[in-house]
Each structure stands twice: as structure tokens, then as C-alpha cells.
Amino acid sequence: MDAAIDIVDGTVVVSTFGTADTAAFGRLLDDVLDHPSFEPGMPLLFDHSELAVGGLTPYDVRGIAESLLAREKQLGAGRKAMVAPSDAAYGLARMFAVYAETERLRLQAFRDRASAATWLAAASERE
């Protein structure tokens, strides 16, 4: 699994591609935290449009959620959106949101990037 991390208009945009790998998600979160422009509480958009998720199990998804929760304080409160256009990816993303959402972290799965960006922007305008 590979990824590109960019900061676009105050949002961390993480685009993943290749084959999903449970351990790689933890490294990816560390890469986000190490990004020189990252600040806790920034909105995050994970775009998994080009990620093959067929090999992931619900157990893997729970492990990935635990990896995010272990970094909750460093990530900061706020919204995290996931773009997952395929049925399988969308289902796994929704499962991840259930496992990982807390009082401080709001997670939502979307089928397209525009809807995810709109949801993230709406939070920024209100908060």
C-alpha cells in the first residue's frame, strides 16, 4: 500500500493506492502526524478510491481503528472523512467509522470526494 499526503486548504488529504495492508495504515497515520504542516485537529480526508481492499477482514478493520484510536490525542478532535466508492470499500469504511468514532473524533464514509470535502468544510464553518 502506498499513499500521498497533501495539505489542501487546511485539510490533510491522504490518497491511498495499491493493496490495503493493515500494518501500513499505522505507518500512514505516523506519516500524517510527522508531516511538517500538520496541526492537531486539522480535518482529514482519506481518499481510498484507488485502494484494493478485498483482502481486509472485519478483524483487520478493527485493528486499523485501534491504530487510529491510539493516535487520537496527537490527531486532535475533529472530523475525518473517508472516500470509498466501491461497495466493499464503503462497507469497510462504515465499519471503521463505527469502531473508531469517539466523542472527540467524528468519522464518516462517503462514496465521492466532493461529498466528503463538503462535510469537512461544513464543520470548519461551524466550529
N, C-alpha and C. Protein backbone atom coordinates (compact mmCIF):
# COMPACT_ATOMS: atom_id res chain seq x y z
N MET A 1 0.85 -1.17 0.00
CA MET A 1 0.00 0.00 0.00
C MET A 1 0.90 1.23 0.00
N ASP A 2 0.55 2.17 -0.85
CA ASP A 2 1.27 3.43 -0.93
C ASP A 2 0.28 4.56 -0.71
N ALA A 3 0.83 5.75 -0.43
CA ALA A 3 -0.04 6.89 -0.17
C ALA A 3 0.69 8.19 -0.48
N ALA A 4 -0.11 9.21 -0.77
CA ALA A 4 0.39 10.57 -0.93
C ALA A 4 -0.34 11.42 0.09
N ILE A 5 0.42 12.29 0.78
CA ILE A 5 -0.16 13.18 1.79
C ILE A 5 0.06 14.61 1.34
N ASP A 6 -1.04 15.36 1.26
CA ASP A 6 -1.00 16.76 0.87
C ASP A 6 -1.85 17.57 1.84
N ILE A 7 -1.55 18.84 1.97
CA ILE A 7 -2.39 19.77 2.73
C ILE A 7 -3.05 20.67 1.69
N VAL A 8 -4.39 20.62 1.62
CA VAL A 8 -5.14 21.40 0.65
C VAL A 8 -6.15 22.25 1.40
N ASP A 9 -5.97 23.56 1.34
CA ASP A 9 -6.90 24.50 2.01
C ASP A 9 -7.15 24.14 3.46
N GLY A 10 -6.09 23.78 4.18
CA GLY A 10 -6.21 23.48 5.60
C GLY A 10 -6.69 22.09 5.94
N THR A 11 -6.86 21.24 4.92
CA THR A 11 -7.29 19.86 5.13
C THR A 11 -6.16 18.92 4.74
N VAL A 12 -5.91 17.93 5.58
CA VAL A 12 -4.93 16.90 5.24
C VAL A 12 -5.62 15.92 4.30
N VAL A 13 -5.09 15.77 3.10
CA VAL A 13 -5.66 14.85 2.11
C VAL A 13 -4.68 13.70 1.93
N VAL A 14 -5.15 12.50 2.25
CA VAL A 14 -4.35 11.29 2.14
C VAL A 14 -4.96 10.43 1.05
N SER A 15 -4.23 10.24 -0.04
CA SER A 15 -4.71 9.41 -1.16
C SER A 15 -3.95 8.09 -1.12
N THR A 16 -4.68 6.99 -0.98
CA THR A 16 -4.05 5.68 -0.90
C THR A 16 -4.25 4.93 -2.20
N PHE A 17 -3.31 4.03 -2.49
CA PHE A 17 -3.41 3.20 -3.69
C PHE A 17 -2.62 1.92 -3.49
N GLY A 18 -2.91 0.96 -4.35
CA GLY A 18 -2.29 -0.36 -4.20
C GLY A 18 -3.22 -1.28 -3.44
N THR A 19 -2.63 -2.22 -2.71
CA THR A 19 -3.40 -3.21 -1.95
C THR A 19 -3.35 -2.85 -0.47
N ALA A 20 -4.51 -2.79 0.16
CA ALA A 20 -4.61 -2.42 1.57
C ALA A 20 -3.79 -3.37 2.42
N ASP A 21 -3.09 -2.79 3.39
CA ASP A 21 -2.21 -3.54 4.29
C ASP A 21 -2.44 -2.99 5.69
N THR A 22 -2.85 -3.84 6.61
CA THR A 22 -3.19 -3.40 7.96
C THR A 22 -2.05 -2.64 8.64
N ALA A 23 -0.86 -3.18 8.59
CA ALA A 23 0.29 -2.53 9.25
C ALA A 23 0.60 -1.19 8.59
N ALA A 24 0.39 -1.10 7.29
CA ALA A 24 0.70 0.14 6.56
C ALA A 24 -0.18 1.29 7.02
N PHE A 25 -1.39 1.02 7.47
CA PHE A 25 -2.27 2.09 7.94
C PHE A 25 -1.68 2.78 9.17
N GLY A 26 -1.09 2.01 10.08
CA GLY A 26 -0.45 2.62 11.24
C GLY A 26 0.73 3.49 10.84
N ARG A 27 1.54 3.00 9.90
CA ARG A 27 2.66 3.81 9.42
C ARG A 27 2.16 5.06 8.72
N LEU A 28 1.06 4.94 8.00
CA LEU A 28 0.49 6.08 7.29
C LEU A 28 0.04 7.16 8.29
N LEU A 29 -0.59 6.75 9.37
CA LEU A 29 -1.00 7.72 10.39
C LEU A 29 0.22 8.42 11.00
N ASP A 30 1.29 7.67 11.22
CA ASP A 30 2.52 8.28 11.72
C ASP A 30 3.07 9.29 10.71
N ASP A 31 2.98 8.96 9.43
CA ASP A 31 3.43 9.89 8.39
C ASP A 31 2.60 11.18 8.40
N VAL A 32 1.30 11.04 8.61
CA VAL A 32 0.44 12.23 8.71
C VAL A 32 0.89 13.09 9.89
N LEU A 33 1.09 12.45 11.04
CA LEU A 33 1.49 13.19 12.23
C LEU A 33 2.86 13.86 12.07
N ASP A 34 3.73 13.24 11.27
CA ASP A 34 5.07 13.78 11.04
C ASP A 34 5.12 14.82 9.92
N HIS A 35 4.02 15.01 9.21
CA HIS A 35 4.02 15.98 8.11
C HIS A 35 4.33 17.36 8.68
N PRO A 36 5.23 18.11 8.04
CA PRO A 36 5.64 19.40 8.61
C PRO A 36 4.51 20.43 8.74
N SER A 37 3.44 20.29 7.96
CA SER A 37 2.34 21.27 8.04
C SER A 37 1.16 20.78 8.87
N PHE A 38 1.27 19.56 9.41
CA PHE A 38 0.16 19.02 10.19
C PHE A 38 0.05 19.71 11.53
N GLU A 39 -1.20 19.98 11.92
CA GLU A 39 -1.51 20.51 13.25
C GLU A 39 -2.67 19.69 13.81
N PRO A 40 -2.62 19.35 15.10
CA PRO A 40 -3.72 18.59 15.70
C PRO A 40 -5.06 19.28 15.47
N GLY A 41 -6.06 18.47 15.16
CA GLY A 41 -7.40 18.99 14.93
C GLY A 41 -7.71 19.34 13.49
N MET A 42 -6.70 19.26 12.61
CA MET A 42 -6.97 19.54 11.20
C MET A 42 -7.94 18.51 10.64
N PRO A 43 -8.83 18.91 9.75
CA PRO A 43 -9.69 17.92 9.09
C PRO A 43 -8.83 16.98 8.25
N LEU A 44 -9.24 15.74 8.20
CA LEU A 44 -8.52 14.72 7.43
C LEU A 44 -9.45 14.11 6.41
N LEU A 45 -8.98 13.96 5.19
CA LEU A 45 -9.74 13.30 4.14
C LEU A 45 -8.88 12.15 3.62
N PHE A 46 -9.33 10.93 3.89
CA PHE A 46 -8.65 9.73 3.40
C PHE A 46 -9.37 9.29 2.13
N ASP A 47 -8.70 9.39 0.99
CA ASP A 47 -9.30 9.00 -0.28
C ASP A 47 -8.77 7.62 -0.66
N HIS A 48 -9.64 6.63 -0.50
CA HIS A 48 -9.28 5.24 -0.79
C HIS A 48 -9.85 4.78 -2.14
N SER A 49 -10.06 5.73 -3.05
CA SER A 49 -10.64 5.41 -4.35
C SER A 49 -9.79 4.44 -5.15
N GLU A 50 -8.48 4.48 -4.97
CA GLU A 50 -7.56 3.63 -5.75
C GLU A 50 -6.98 2.50 -4.91
N LEU A 51 -7.61 2.20 -3.78
CA LEU A 51 -7.11 1.18 -2.87
C LEU A 51 -7.90 -0.12 -3.02
N ALA A 52 -7.19 -1.22 -3.21
CA ALA A 52 -7.82 -2.55 -3.29
C ALA A 52 -7.98 -3.08 -1.86
N VAL A 53 -9.23 -3.29 -1.44
CA VAL A 53 -9.50 -3.68 -0.05
C VAL A 53 -10.02 -5.11 0.08
N GLY A 54 -10.03 -5.85 -1.00
CA GLY A 54 -10.62 -7.19 -0.99
C GLY A 54 -10.04 -8.14 0.03
N GLY A 55 -8.80 -7.93 0.42
CA GLY A 55 -8.17 -8.82 1.38
C GLY A 55 -8.41 -8.48 2.84
N LEU A 56 -9.06 -7.35 3.12
CA LEU A 56 -9.30 -6.94 4.51
C LEU A 56 -10.51 -7.67 5.09
N THR A 57 -10.37 -8.03 6.36
CA THR A 57 -11.47 -8.67 7.10
C THR A 57 -12.01 -7.69 8.15
N PRO A 58 -13.17 -7.96 8.72
CA PRO A 58 -13.65 -7.11 9.81
C PRO A 58 -12.63 -7.03 10.96
N TYR A 59 -11.93 -8.11 11.22
CA TYR A 59 -10.89 -8.11 12.26
C TYR A 59 -9.79 -7.10 11.91
N ASP A 60 -9.39 -7.07 10.63
CA ASP A 60 -8.38 -6.11 10.17
C ASP A 60 -8.87 -4.68 10.37
N VAL A 61 -10.13 -4.44 10.04
CA VAL A 61 -10.70 -3.10 10.16
C VAL A 61 -10.69 -2.65 11.62
N ARG A 62 -11.01 -3.55 12.52
CA ARG A 62 -10.96 -3.22 13.95
C ARG A 62 -9.52 -2.87 14.35
N GLY A 63 -8.56 -3.60 13.85
CA GLY A 63 -7.16 -3.31 14.16
C GLY A 63 -6.73 -1.94 13.63
N ILE A 64 -7.18 -1.60 12.44
CA ILE A 64 -6.87 -0.29 11.87
C ILE A 64 -7.52 0.82 12.72
N ALA A 65 -8.75 0.57 13.16
CA ALA A 65 -9.43 1.54 14.03
C ALA A 65 -8.67 1.72 15.34
N GLU A 66 -8.19 0.64 15.91
CA GLU A 66 -7.42 0.73 17.15
C GLU A 66 -6.13 1.52 16.93
N SER A 67 -5.55 1.38 15.75
CA SER A 67 -4.35 2.13 15.40
C SER A 67 -4.65 3.63 15.39
N LEU A 68 -5.79 4.01 14.84
CA LEU A 68 -6.19 5.42 14.84
C LEU A 68 -6.47 5.90 16.26
N LEU A 69 -7.18 5.10 17.03
CA LEU A 69 -7.53 5.49 18.40
C LEU A 69 -6.29 5.65 19.27
N ALA A 70 -5.25 4.89 19.00
CA ALA A 70 -4.00 5.03 19.75
C ALA A 70 -3.33 6.37 19.49
N ARG A 71 -3.72 7.01 18.38
CA ARG A 71 -3.15 8.30 18.00
C ARG A 71 -4.16 9.44 18.12
N GLU A 72 -5.27 9.18 18.80
CA GLU A 72 -6.36 10.16 18.89
C GLU A 72 -5.89 11.50 19.44
N LYS A 73 -5.12 11.48 20.51
CA LYS A 73 -4.69 12.74 21.13
C LYS A 73 -3.80 13.53 20.16
N GLN A 74 -2.89 12.85 19.46
CA GLN A 74 -2.00 13.54 18.53
C GLN A 74 -2.76 14.08 17.32
N LEU A 75 -3.78 13.34 16.86
CA LEU A 75 -4.56 13.79 15.71
C LEU A 75 -5.42 15.00 16.08
N GLY A 76 -5.90 15.03 17.31
CA GLY A 76 -6.75 16.12 17.75
C GLY A 76 -8.20 15.87 17.39
N ALA A 77 -9.06 16.58 18.07
CA ALA A 77 -10.50 16.44 17.84
C ALA A 77 -10.84 16.95 16.44
N GLY A 78 -11.94 16.45 15.91
CA GLY A 78 -12.39 16.95 14.62
C GLY A 78 -12.91 15.85 13.71
N ARG A 79 -13.23 16.26 12.52
CA ARG A 79 -13.82 15.36 11.54
C ARG A 79 -12.75 14.70 10.67
N LYS A 80 -13.01 13.42 10.38
CA LYS A 80 -12.16 12.64 9.50
C LYS A 80 -13.09 11.96 8.50
N ALA A 81 -12.89 12.23 7.22
CA ALA A 81 -13.74 11.68 6.17
C ALA A 81 -12.97 10.62 5.38
N MET A 82 -13.70 9.60 4.94
CA MET A 82 -13.12 8.56 4.12
C MET A 82 -13.89 8.45 2.82
N VAL A 83 -13.18 8.45 1.70
CA VAL A 83 -13.80 8.27 0.39
C VAL A 83 -13.56 6.83 -0.01
N ALA A 84 -14.65 6.12 -0.27
CA ALA A 84 -14.59 4.70 -0.61
C ALA A 84 -15.71 4.39 -1.61
N PRO A 85 -15.43 4.53 -2.91
CA PRO A 85 -16.51 4.43 -3.89
C PRO A 85 -17.07 3.02 -4.13
N SER A 86 -16.25 1.98 -3.99
CA SER A 86 -16.77 0.63 -4.26
C SER A 86 -17.63 0.16 -3.09
N ASP A 87 -18.51 -0.79 -3.37
CA ASP A 87 -19.38 -1.30 -2.31
C ASP A 87 -18.58 -1.90 -1.17
N ALA A 88 -17.56 -2.70 -1.49
CA ALA A 88 -16.75 -3.34 -0.45
C ALA A 88 -16.01 -2.30 0.37
N ALA A 89 -15.37 -1.36 -0.28
CA ALA A 89 -14.61 -0.33 0.44
C ALA A 89 -15.53 0.53 1.29
N TYR A 90 -16.70 0.88 0.76
CA TYR A 90 -17.64 1.71 1.50
C TYR A 90 -18.14 0.98 2.76
N GLY A 91 -18.45 -0.29 2.62
CA GLY A 91 -18.88 -1.08 3.77
C GLY A 91 -17.81 -1.16 4.85
N LEU A 92 -16.56 -1.38 4.43
CA LEU A 92 -15.46 -1.43 5.39
C LEU A 92 -15.21 -0.06 6.04
N ALA A 93 -15.35 1.00 5.26
CA ALA A 93 -15.16 2.35 5.79
C ALA A 93 -16.24 2.68 6.83
N ARG A 94 -17.46 2.26 6.57
CA ARG A 94 -18.54 2.49 7.55
C ARG A 94 -18.28 1.70 8.82
N MET A 95 -17.80 0.47 8.66
CA MET A 95 -17.45 -0.36 9.82
C MET A 95 -16.33 0.33 10.63
N PHE A 96 -15.32 0.83 9.92
CA PHE A 96 -14.22 1.53 10.57
C PHE A 96 -14.75 2.73 11.36
N ALA A 97 -15.66 3.48 10.79
CA ALA A 97 -16.22 4.66 11.46
C ALA A 97 -16.91 4.27 12.76
N VAL A 98 -17.61 3.17 12.75
CA VAL A 98 -18.28 2.70 13.97
C VAL A 98 -17.26 2.33 15.03
N TYR A 99 -16.21 1.62 14.63
CA TYR A 99 -15.18 1.20 15.57
C TYR A 99 -14.38 2.38 16.13
N ALA A 100 -14.13 3.39 15.32
CA ALA A 100 -13.15 4.43 15.69
C ALA A 100 -13.76 5.74 16.17
N GLU A 101 -15.04 5.96 15.95
CA GLU A 101 -15.61 7.26 16.35
C GLU A 101 -15.67 7.38 17.87
N THR A 102 -15.29 8.55 18.34
CA THR A 102 -15.33 8.86 19.77
C THR A 102 -16.02 10.20 19.94
N GLU A 103 -16.08 10.65 21.18
CA GLU A 103 -16.67 11.95 21.45
C GLU A 103 -15.87 13.07 20.75
N ARG A 104 -14.56 12.87 20.63
CA ARG A 104 -13.68 13.88 20.02
C ARG A 104 -13.50 13.69 18.51
N LEU A 105 -13.60 12.47 18.05
CA LEU A 105 -13.38 12.18 16.63
C LEU A 105 -14.69 11.84 15.95
N ARG A 106 -15.00 12.56 14.88
CA ARG A 106 -16.18 12.26 14.07
C ARG A 106 -15.68 11.68 12.76
N LEU A 107 -16.16 10.50 12.42
CA LEU A 107 -15.74 9.83 11.19
C LEU A 107 -16.95 9.54 10.33
N GLN A 108 -16.78 9.71 9.02
CA GLN A 108 -17.89 9.48 8.09
C GLN A 108 -17.33 8.93 6.79
N ALA A 109 -18.02 7.96 6.23
CA ALA A 109 -17.65 7.38 4.93
C ALA A 109 -18.49 8.01 3.83
N PHE A 110 -17.86 8.23 2.69
CA PHE A 110 -18.52 8.82 1.53
C PHE A 110 -18.13 8.04 0.28
N ARG A 111 -18.98 8.09 -0.71
CA ARG A 111 -18.69 7.42 -1.98
C ARG A 111 -17.91 8.30 -2.94
N ASP A 112 -17.91 9.63 -2.69
CA ASP A 112 -17.17 10.53 -3.60
C ASP A 112 -16.47 11.61 -2.79
N ARG A 113 -15.42 12.13 -3.38
CA ARG A 113 -14.57 13.11 -2.71
C ARG A 113 -15.28 14.45 -2.49
N ALA A 114 -16.12 14.86 -3.43
CA ALA A 114 -16.82 16.14 -3.29
C ALA A 114 -17.72 16.14 -2.06
N SER A 115 -18.45 15.06 -1.83
CA SER A 115 -19.33 14.98 -0.65
C SER A 115 -18.52 14.99 0.64
N ALA A 116 -17.39 14.31 0.64
CA ALA A 116 -16.53 14.28 1.81
C ALA A 116 -15.99 15.68 2.10
N ALA A 117 -15.54 16.36 1.06
CA ALA A 117 -14.99 17.71 1.23
C ALA A 117 -16.06 18.68 1.73
N THR A 118 -17.28 18.55 1.23
CA THR A 118 -18.38 19.41 1.68
C THR A 118 -18.66 19.19 3.16
N TRP A 119 -18.69 17.94 3.60
CA TRP A 119 -18.93 17.61 5.01
C TRP A 119 -17.82 18.19 5.89
N LEU A 120 -16.58 18.05 5.46
CA LEU A 120 -15.46 18.61 6.23
C LEU A 120 -15.53 20.13 6.29
N ALA A 121 -15.85 20.76 5.17
CA ALA A 121 -15.93 22.23 5.12
C ALA A 121 -17.06 22.75 5.99
N ALA A 122 -18.18 22.06 6.03
CA ALA A 122 -19.32 22.47 6.85
C ALA A 122 -18.93 22.49 8.33
N ALA A 123 -18.13 21.55 8.74
CA ALA A 123 -17.69 21.51 10.14
C ALA A 123 -16.77 22.69 10.43
N SER A 124 -15.91 23.01 9.50
CA SER A 124 -14.97 24.13 9.70
C SER A 124 -15.71 25.45 9.82
N GLU A 125 -16.80 25.60 9.08
CA GLU A 125 -17.56 26.84 9.12
C GLU A 125 -18.30 27.00 10.44
N ARG A 126 -18.73 25.89 11.04
CA ARG A 126 -19.49 25.94 12.29
C ARG A 126 -18.60 25.95 13.51
N GLU A 127 -17.46 25.33 13.44
CA GLU A 127 -16.61 25.13 14.63
C GLU A 127 -15.52 26.16 14.71
